[in-house]
């Protein structure tokens, strides 16, 4: 279903899922003091913020959240990967 990511318990979704361009989303996020990150060339925005800014897309957000939870549940024993963290993974 596309790209999404978790930072702690916060789900990050593509700006396009909220019907926003990357440029428009970055401007609004900056104005609101909200974080954003890129996964490759996909701008990820906080799902909670997107729900406030574009509530008409709630069905889309719900579908993304369901899929993200399905993927996250089996991997609960694996340390989470922060999509906004650019540091290399630690190898023990």
Protein backbone atom coordinates (compact mmCIF):
# COMPACT_ATOMS: atom_id res chain seq x y z
CA UNK A 1 0.00 0.00 0.00
CA UNK A 2 2.91 2.36 -0.34
CA UNK A 3 5.28 4.04 2.03
CA UNK A 4 4.65 4.84 5.68
CA UNK A 5 6.73 4.89 8.83
CA UNK A 6 6.61 4.97 12.59
CA UNK A 7 8.40 7.28 14.99
CA UNK A 8 7.56 5.91 18.41
CA UNK A 9 3.78 5.55 18.36
CA UNK A 10 3.28 8.26 15.73
CA UNK A 11 2.41 7.10 12.22
CA UNK A 12 3.86 9.05 9.29
CA UNK A 13 2.06 8.86 5.95
CA UNK A 14 2.78 10.21 2.47
CA UNK A 15 1.75 13.82 1.95
CA UNK A 16 0.06 12.69 -1.24
CA UNK A 17 -2.33 10.53 0.84
CA UNK A 18 -3.65 13.78 2.28
CA UNK A 19 -4.01 15.24 -1.20
CA UNK A 20 -1.08 17.60 -0.58
CA UNK A 21 1.91 18.40 -2.71
CA UNK A 22 5.28 18.06 -1.00
CA UNK A 23 5.87 21.80 -1.30
CA UNK A 24 2.47 22.71 0.15
CA UNK A 25 2.77 20.17 2.95
CA UNK A 26 6.27 21.37 3.91
CA UNK A 27 5.08 24.97 4.05
CA UNK A 28 2.09 24.08 6.25
CA UNK A 29 4.13 21.78 8.49
CA UNK A 30 6.72 24.51 8.98
CA UNK A 31 4.05 27.06 9.82
CA UNK A 32 2.48 24.68 12.36
CA UNK A 33 5.83 23.64 13.83
CA UNK A 34 5.28 20.00 12.88
CA UNK A 35 7.98 17.48 11.88
CA UNK A 36 8.33 15.80 8.52
CA UNK A 37 10.78 13.39 6.98
CA UNK A 38 11.56 11.72 3.69
CA UNK A 39 11.64 8.02 2.89
CA UNK A 40 13.57 8.13 -0.34
CA UNK A 41 11.71 10.70 -2.40
CA UNK A 42 8.42 10.36 -0.48
CA UNK A 43 7.56 13.10 2.02
CA UNK A 44 6.09 11.58 5.19
CA UNK A 45 3.86 13.71 7.41
CA UNK A 46 2.32 12.99 10.82
CA UNK A 47 -0.99 11.18 10.41
CA UNK A 48 -2.50 13.03 13.39
CA UNK A 49 -1.69 16.37 11.78
CA UNK A 50 -3.03 15.23 8.40
CA UNK A 51 -6.34 14.27 10.04
CA UNK A 52 -6.67 17.84 11.32
CA UNK A 53 -5.65 19.50 8.06
CA UNK A 54 -7.56 17.28 5.62
CA UNK A 55 -10.29 15.43 7.52
CA UNK A 56 -12.08 14.60 4.28
CA UNK A 57 -9.37 11.96 3.70
CA UNK A 58 -10.09 10.05 6.95
CA UNK A 59 -11.06 6.90 5.02
CA UNK A 60 -7.64 6.89 3.37
CA UNK A 61 -5.87 7.48 6.69
CA UNK A 62 -7.86 4.65 8.28
CA UNK A 63 -6.82 2.26 5.50
CA UNK A 64 -3.16 3.27 5.81
CA UNK A 65 -3.29 2.90 9.62
CA UNK A 66 -4.85 -0.58 9.34
CA UNK A 67 -2.10 -1.69 6.95
CA UNK A 68 0.62 -0.09 9.06
CA UNK A 69 -0.68 -1.88 12.17
CA UNK A 70 -0.77 -5.23 10.32
CA UNK A 71 2.85 -4.80 9.32
CA UNK A 72 3.88 -3.53 12.75
CA UNK A 73 2.24 -6.28 14.86
CA UNK A 74 4.35 -9.25 13.66
CA UNK A 75 7.49 -7.14 13.94
CA UNK A 76 6.84 -6.09 17.55
CA UNK A 77 9.93 -7.98 18.72
CA UNK A 78 12.15 -6.15 16.20
CA UNK A 79 13.46 -2.73 17.32
CA UNK A 80 11.54 0.01 15.46
CA UNK A 81 13.22 1.91 12.65
CA UNK A 82 12.83 5.67 12.71
CA UNK A 83 12.12 6.82 9.13
CA UNK A 84 13.46 10.26 10.05
CA UNK A 85 16.79 8.96 11.39
CA UNK A 86 19.55 9.05 8.80
CA UNK A 87 22.21 7.42 10.99
CA UNK A 88 23.41 3.98 9.84
CA UNK A 89 21.97 0.95 11.61
CA UNK A 90 23.95 -0.40 14.54
CA UNK A 91 25.54 -3.79 14.06
CA UNK A 92 26.30 -5.80 17.18
